[in-house]
Protein backbone atom coordinates (compact mmCIF):
# COMPACT_ATOMS: atom_id res chain seq x y z
CA MET A 1 101.17 78.08 65.11
CA LYS A 2 101.80 79.42 68.48
CA THR A 3 101.17 78.02 71.36
CA GLU A 4 101.00 79.57 74.90
CA SER A 5 103.28 77.77 77.81
CA PRO A 6 101.91 77.30 80.48
CA PRO A 7 103.00 80.05 83.48
CA ILE A 8 105.38 79.11 85.55
CA ASN A 9 106.95 80.27 88.65
CA GLU A 10 109.46 82.15 89.56
CA PRO A 11 112.76 80.66 91.04
CA PHE A 12 112.51 81.43 93.88
CA ILE A 13 109.19 80.47 94.35
CA ASP A 14 109.47 76.89 93.63
CA GLN A 15 112.12 77.45 96.72
CA LEU A 16 109.96 78.69 99.19
CA PHE A 17 107.49 76.24 98.11
CA LYS A 18 110.10 73.32 97.85
CA ILE A 19 111.23 74.70 101.85
CA CYS A 20 108.26 75.74 102.81
CA SER A 21 106.16 72.08 103.12
CA ASP A 22 107.46 71.57 105.59
CA ARG A 23 105.42 73.00 108.90
CA GLY A 24 108.41 73.30 110.76
CA TYR A 25 110.26 75.59 108.87
CA ARG A 26 107.14 78.46 107.68
CA ALA A 27 107.12 77.93 111.65
CA GLU A 28 110.22 80.03 112.26
CA LEU A 29 109.21 81.96 109.34
CA ARG A 30 106.62 83.02 111.06
CA ARG A 31 108.55 84.09 113.36
CA TYR A 32 110.60 87.10 111.23
CA TRP A 33 107.55 89.05 112.44
CA SER A 34 108.91 90.19 115.71
CA PRO A 35 112.18 91.37 116.36
CA GLY A 36 112.74 89.36 120.16
CA THR A 37 111.96 86.21 117.48
CA ARG A 38 113.40 87.13 114.10
CA HIS A 39 116.72 84.91 114.83
CA TYR A 40 114.88 82.33 114.22
CA SER A 41 114.16 82.77 111.08
CA TYR A 42 117.66 83.14 109.49
CA PRO A 43 118.71 79.72 108.62
CA VAL A 44 115.65 79.17 106.34
CA LEU A 45 116.06 82.41 105.15
CA GLY A 46 119.87 82.07 104.71
CA ARG A 47 118.54 78.38 102.36
CA LEU A 48 116.82 81.32 100.44
CA ARG A 49 119.32 83.17 100.13
CA ALA A 50 117.59 85.65 101.83
CA LEU A 51 119.35 87.02 104.45
CA GLY A 52 120.55 91.18 104.24
CA GLU A 53 118.93 94.26 102.74
CA PRO A 54 119.23 93.20 99.44
CA LYS A 55 117.12 90.73 99.08
CA LEU A 56 114.52 92.33 102.33
CA ALA A 57 111.31 91.47 99.41
CA ASP A 58 112.60 87.80 99.03
CA ALA A 59 112.45 87.73 102.71
CA LEU A 60 109.27 89.42 103.29
CA THR A 61 107.46 87.66 100.74
CA ALA A 62 109.30 84.12 102.47
CA ALA A 63 107.55 85.69 105.25
CA LEU A 64 103.89 86.40 103.95
CA TYR A 65 104.06 82.92 102.53
CA ALA A 66 103.90 81.48 105.92
CA GLU A 67 101.97 83.03 107.00
CA ASN A 68 99.51 82.36 103.77
CA PRO A 69 100.05 79.45 102.29
CA LYS A 70 97.42 80.14 99.02
CA HIS A 71 99.24 80.52 95.98
CA ASN A 72 96.87 80.40 93.22
CA LEU A 73 99.75 80.77 89.79
CA GLY A 74 97.94 84.31 87.36
CA GLY A 75 95.99 84.43 90.33
CA LEU A 76 94.70 86.93 92.21
CA SER A 77 96.78 90.10 92.53
CA LEU A 78 97.37 92.35 96.15
CA GLY A 79 94.47 94.65 95.58
CA LYS A 80 91.85 92.14 93.76
CA ALA A 81 92.75 89.64 96.87
CA LEU A 82 91.96 92.23 99.87
CA ARG A 83 89.18 93.70 97.27
CA VAL A 84 87.74 89.76 98.11
CA LEU A 85 88.77 90.09 102.22
CA ALA A 86 86.45 93.89 101.95
CA GLY A 87 83.44 92.57 101.50
CA GLY A 88 83.90 92.91 97.28
CA SER A 89 82.26 95.36 97.65
CA GLU A 90 81.91 99.28 98.63
CA LYS A 91 78.28 97.96 99.21
CA ALA A 92 79.22 94.59 101.35
CA HIS A 93 79.47 94.71 105.28
CA GLY A 94 82.86 96.39 107.23
CA PHE A 95 84.09 97.94 103.87
CA ASP A 96 84.21 101.19 105.31
CA SER A 97 86.20 99.76 108.74
CA PHE A 98 88.67 97.62 105.59
CA GLU A 99 89.02 100.92 103.34
CA ARG A 100 91.12 103.13 106.02
CA HIS A 101 93.87 99.87 106.67
CA PHE A 102 94.10 99.74 102.66
CA ARG A 103 95.01 103.56 102.57
CA ARG A 104 97.82 102.78 105.76
CA LEU A 105 99.18 100.38 102.94
CA LEU A 106 99.17 102.77 100.31
CA ALA A 107 100.92 105.68 102.75
CA CYS A 108 103.54 103.33 103.23
CA GLU A 109 106.74 105.63 101.76
CA ALA A 110 108.48 104.33 98.81
CA GLY A 111 112.03 103.56 101.04
CA ASP A 112 110.12 100.97 103.53
CA LEU A 113 109.93 97.67 102.48
CA GLN A 114 109.42 96.86 106.09
CA GLU A 115 106.83 99.00 107.17
CA VAL A 116 105.17 97.52 103.89
CA GLY A 117 105.46 94.30 104.86
CA ASP A 118 104.18 94.97 108.28
CA HIS A 119 101.44 96.71 106.98
CA LEU A 120 100.83 92.90 104.81
CA GLN A 121 101.89 89.88 107.73
CA ARG A 122 98.42 91.62 109.33
CA LEU A 123 96.31 91.53 106.69
CA PHE A 124 97.64 87.77 105.87
CA LYS A 125 96.61 86.52 108.38
CA ARG A 126 92.95 88.12 107.67
CA LEU A 127 93.98 85.99 104.08
CA ASP A 128 94.16 82.43 105.54
CA ARG A 129 91.43 82.24 107.70
CA GLU A 130 89.10 83.64 104.76
CA ASN A 131 91.88 81.08 102.22
CA ILE A 132 91.49 83.43 99.41
CA LEU A 133 94.81 82.69 97.24
CA LEU A 134 97.50 85.05 95.99
CA ASP A 135 99.53 85.27 93.29
CA TYR A 136 102.98 85.45 94.83
CA ASN A 137 104.50 85.38 91.77
CA ARG A 138 103.49 88.93 91.53
CA LEU A 139 103.53 90.02 95.37
CA LEU A 140 106.82 89.07 94.70
CA TRP A 141 108.16 91.31 91.65
CA ASP A 142 106.38 94.55 93.15
CA LEU A 143 108.89 93.82 96.33
CA ARG A 144 111.25 93.32 94.35
CA SER A 145 110.74 96.43 92.33
CA TRP A 146 108.74 98.56 95.83
CA ARG A 147 111.89 101.01 95.45
CA ASN A 148 111.78 102.93 92.60
CA LYS A 149 107.94 101.87 91.66
CA SER A 150 106.60 102.36 95.01
CA GLU A 151 103.48 104.65 93.22
CA ASP A 152 102.66 102.06 89.98
CA ILE A 153 102.63 99.22 92.13
CA LYS A 154 99.86 101.80 94.95
CA THR A 155 98.19 102.69 91.94
CA ARG A 156 98.26 99.23 90.35
CA TRP A 157 97.14 98.22 94.11
CA ALA A 158 94.30 100.52 94.14
CA ARG A 159 92.62 100.28 90.60
CA ASP A 160 93.12 96.87 91.95
CA PHE A 161 90.97 96.39 95.13
CA TRP A 162 88.51 99.81 94.16
CA GLN A 163 88.26 98.10 90.39
CA ALA A 164 88.70 101.46 87.83
CA PRO A 165 89.99 100.27 85.09
CA SER A 166 93.81 100.92 83.21
CA GLU A 167 94.38 104.01 80.80
CA GLN A 168 94.48 100.73 78.23
CA GLU A 169 90.79 99.83 79.20
CA ILE A 170 89.72 104.03 78.52
CA SER A 171 91.27 104.12 75.37
CA SER A 172 90.70 100.57 73.63
CA PRO A 173 88.09 101.09 71.96
CA VAL A 174 84.81 99.90 72.65
CA SER A 175 82.82 97.23 70.13
CA THR A 176 79.31 96.80 69.80
CA VAL A 177 77.08 94.38 68.52
CA PRO A 178 74.96 96.61 66.28
């Protein structure tokens, strides 16, 4: 009999949690978002080995975590978390205005990961205010894959936000009880 092992965090995420348990380091990471103060975040990003263009996804994940340090392994994907933030349904007050913010995120180009981060930063501040937990492992892998698979990632985020069923869910037979 096979037993399922509990899911584990990506090593970078574990390291990020340890470093960000220090509120001072989290504050320094939040300074990443302003070009004038970004240099204050470099020592912390250096400890995380997240400096330089090849590690931009890791740096963005760290800076986003500093904005909203609420993580749930296997929890909400970005699209689902943003749907909860928007009010949970298209009938919710303010859903239409929030939907415009989400569409701007989806309009980001594949090659411009920094633009994605800038859009996410504003959303993550709101996620923090509303105490919405996110799976940072999934976010990290989405950002690491952005340049090569941005359309797939955008499609998944959109499906989670608007709750459309995946192709696999459509093609699987539906059982009916007689």
